[in-house]
Amino acid sequence: MRVFFGIIIGIILTVGGAYIVDSVRDTSGSEGSFNRPVVNWDVVDHSIKGASDTLRQSWERLTGHAKGD
């Protein structure tokens, strides 16, 4: 149980740290004058929504609650 809890806390700290670094980064100026963000949050959001939809459809199919069947 401790290992599982440690893994979850590690993931939260990693994603939270990347978000904070991206939030406080100065992106003003010409294109080459700033560091690129660590994470493209739009891509992450799209990937999470896709994975969530796939997981939901799989669960509905597994439990027999699939729509249109």
C-alpha atoms as a PDB file:
ATOM      1  CA  MET A   1       0.000   0.000   0.000  1.00  0.00           C
ATOM      2  CA  ARG A   2       2.853   2.382   0.808  1.00  0.00           C
ATOM      3  CA  VAL A   3       4.455   1.739  -2.571  1.00  0.00           C
ATOM      4  CA  PHE A   4       1.215   2.503  -4.410  1.00  0.00           C
ATOM      5  CA  PHE A   5       0.714   5.675  -2.372  1.00  0.00           C
ATOM      6  CA  GLY A   6       4.326   6.713  -3.080  1.00  0.00           C
ATOM      7  CA  ILE A   7       3.865   6.201  -6.807  1.00  0.00           C
ATOM      8  CA  ILE A   8       0.700   8.333  -6.842  1.00  0.00           C
ATOM      9  CA  ILE A   9       2.402  11.119  -4.832  1.00  0.00           C
ATOM     10  CA  GLY A  10       5.408  10.987  -7.206  1.00  0.00           C
ATOM     11  CA  ILE A  11       3.200  11.365 -10.270  1.00  0.00           C
ATOM     12  CA  ILE A  12       1.321  14.278  -8.718  1.00  0.00           C
ATOM     13  CA  LEU A  13       4.559  16.034  -7.747  1.00  0.00           C
ATOM     14  CA  THR A  14       6.074  15.530 -11.211  1.00  0.00           C
ATOM     15  CA  VAL A  15       3.063  16.858 -13.111  1.00  0.00           C
ATOM     16  CA  GLY A  16       2.543  19.672 -10.591  1.00  0.00           C
ATOM     17  CA  GLY A  17       6.196  20.701 -10.817  1.00  0.00           C
ATOM     18  CA  ALA A  18       6.099  20.799 -14.619  1.00  0.00           C
ATOM     19  CA  TYR A  19       2.904  22.862 -14.500  1.00  0.00           C
ATOM     20  CA  ILE A  20       4.421  25.367 -12.060  1.00  0.00           C
ATOM     21  CA  VAL A  21       7.590  25.719 -14.152  1.00  0.00           C
ATOM     22  CA  ASP A  22       5.486  26.351 -17.274  1.00  0.00           C
ATOM     23  CA  SER A  23       3.262  28.850 -15.442  1.00  0.00           C
ATOM     24  CA  VAL A  24       6.057  31.102 -14.159  1.00  0.00           C
ATOM     25  CA  ARG A  25       8.146  31.035 -17.342  1.00  0.00           C
ATOM     26  CA  ASP A  26       8.589  34.388 -19.132  1.00  0.00           C
ATOM     27  CA  THR A  27       7.450  33.906 -22.719  1.00  0.00           C
ATOM     28  CA  SER A  28       7.593  37.525 -23.837  1.00  0.00           C
ATOM     29  CA  GLY A  29      10.017  38.674 -26.511  1.00  0.00           C
ATOM     30  CA  SER A  30      11.081  37.324 -29.854  1.00  0.00           C
ATOM     31  CA  GLU A  31      10.704  33.664 -30.734  1.00  0.00           C
ATOM     32  CA  GLY A  32      14.237  32.666 -29.807  1.00  0.00           C
ATOM     33  CA  SER A  33      14.549  34.676 -26.586  1.00  0.00           C
ATOM     34  CA  PHE A  34      12.666  32.340 -24.238  1.00  0.00           C
ATOM     35  CA  ASN A  35      12.850  28.714 -23.249  1.00  0.00           C
ATOM     36  CA  ARG A  36      10.209  26.394 -24.605  1.00  0.00           C
ATOM     37  CA  PRO A  37       7.571  25.093 -22.170  1.00  0.00           C
ATOM     38  CA  VAL A  38       8.192  21.714 -20.579  1.00  0.00           C
ATOM     39  CA  VAL A  39       4.764  20.374 -21.516  1.00  0.00           C
ATOM     40  CA  ASN A  40       2.220  21.228 -24.181  1.00  0.00           C
ATOM     41  CA  TRP A  41      -0.877  21.102 -21.967  1.00  0.00           C
ATOM     42  CA  ASP A  42      -3.292  21.044 -24.904  1.00  0.00           C
ATOM     43  CA  VAL A  43      -1.738  17.798 -26.137  1.00  0.00           C
ATOM     44  CA  VAL A  44      -1.831  16.314 -22.622  1.00  0.00           C
ATOM     45  CA  ASP A  45      -5.511  17.275 -22.257  1.00  0.00           C
ATOM     46  CA  HIS A  46      -6.358  15.726 -25.633  1.00  0.00           C
ATOM     47  CA  SER A  47      -4.487  12.513 -24.759  1.00  0.00           C
ATOM     48  CA  ILE A  48      -6.178  12.201 -21.367  1.00  0.00           C
ATOM     49  CA  LYS A  49      -9.629  12.720 -22.883  1.00  0.00           C
ATOM     50  CA  GLY A  50      -8.901  10.091 -25.548  1.00  0.00           C
ATOM     51  CA  ALA A  51      -7.656   7.584 -22.985  1.00  0.00           C
ATOM     52  CA  SER A  52     -10.639   8.304 -20.738  1.00  0.00           C
ATOM     53  CA  ASP A  53     -13.100   7.745 -23.575  1.00  0.00           C
ATOM     54  CA  THR A  54     -11.387   4.503 -24.574  1.00  0.00           C
ATOM     55  CA  LEU A  55     -11.380   3.247 -20.985  1.00  0.00           C
ATOM     56  CA  ARG A  56     -15.056   4.176 -20.526  1.00  0.00           C
ATOM     57  CA  GLN A  57     -16.054   2.370 -23.739  1.00  0.00           C
ATOM     58  CA  SER A  58     -14.057  -0.707 -22.739  1.00  0.00           C
ATOM     59  CA  TRP A  59     -15.654  -0.759 -19.285  1.00  0.00           C
ATOM     60  CA  GLU A  60     -19.154  -0.418 -20.759  1.00  0.00           C
ATOM     61  CA  ARG A  61     -18.431  -3.249 -23.195  1.00  0.00           C
ATOM     62  CA  LEU A  62     -17.024  -5.407 -20.386  1.00  0.00           C
ATOM     63  CA  THR A  63     -20.004  -4.828 -18.062  1.00  0.00           C
ATOM     64  CA  GLY A  64     -22.603  -5.130 -20.820  1.00  0.00           C
ATOM     65  CA  HIS A  65     -23.755  -1.521 -20.669  1.00  0.00           C
ATOM     66  CA  ALA A  66     -22.502  -0.557 -24.139  1.00  0.00           C
ATOM     67  CA  LYS A  67     -24.773   1.734 -26.109  1.00  0.00           C
ATOM     68  CA  GLY A  68     -26.052   0.401 -29.405  1.00  0.00           C
ATOM     69  CA  ASP A  69     -25.463  -3.275 -28.624  1.00  0.00           C
END
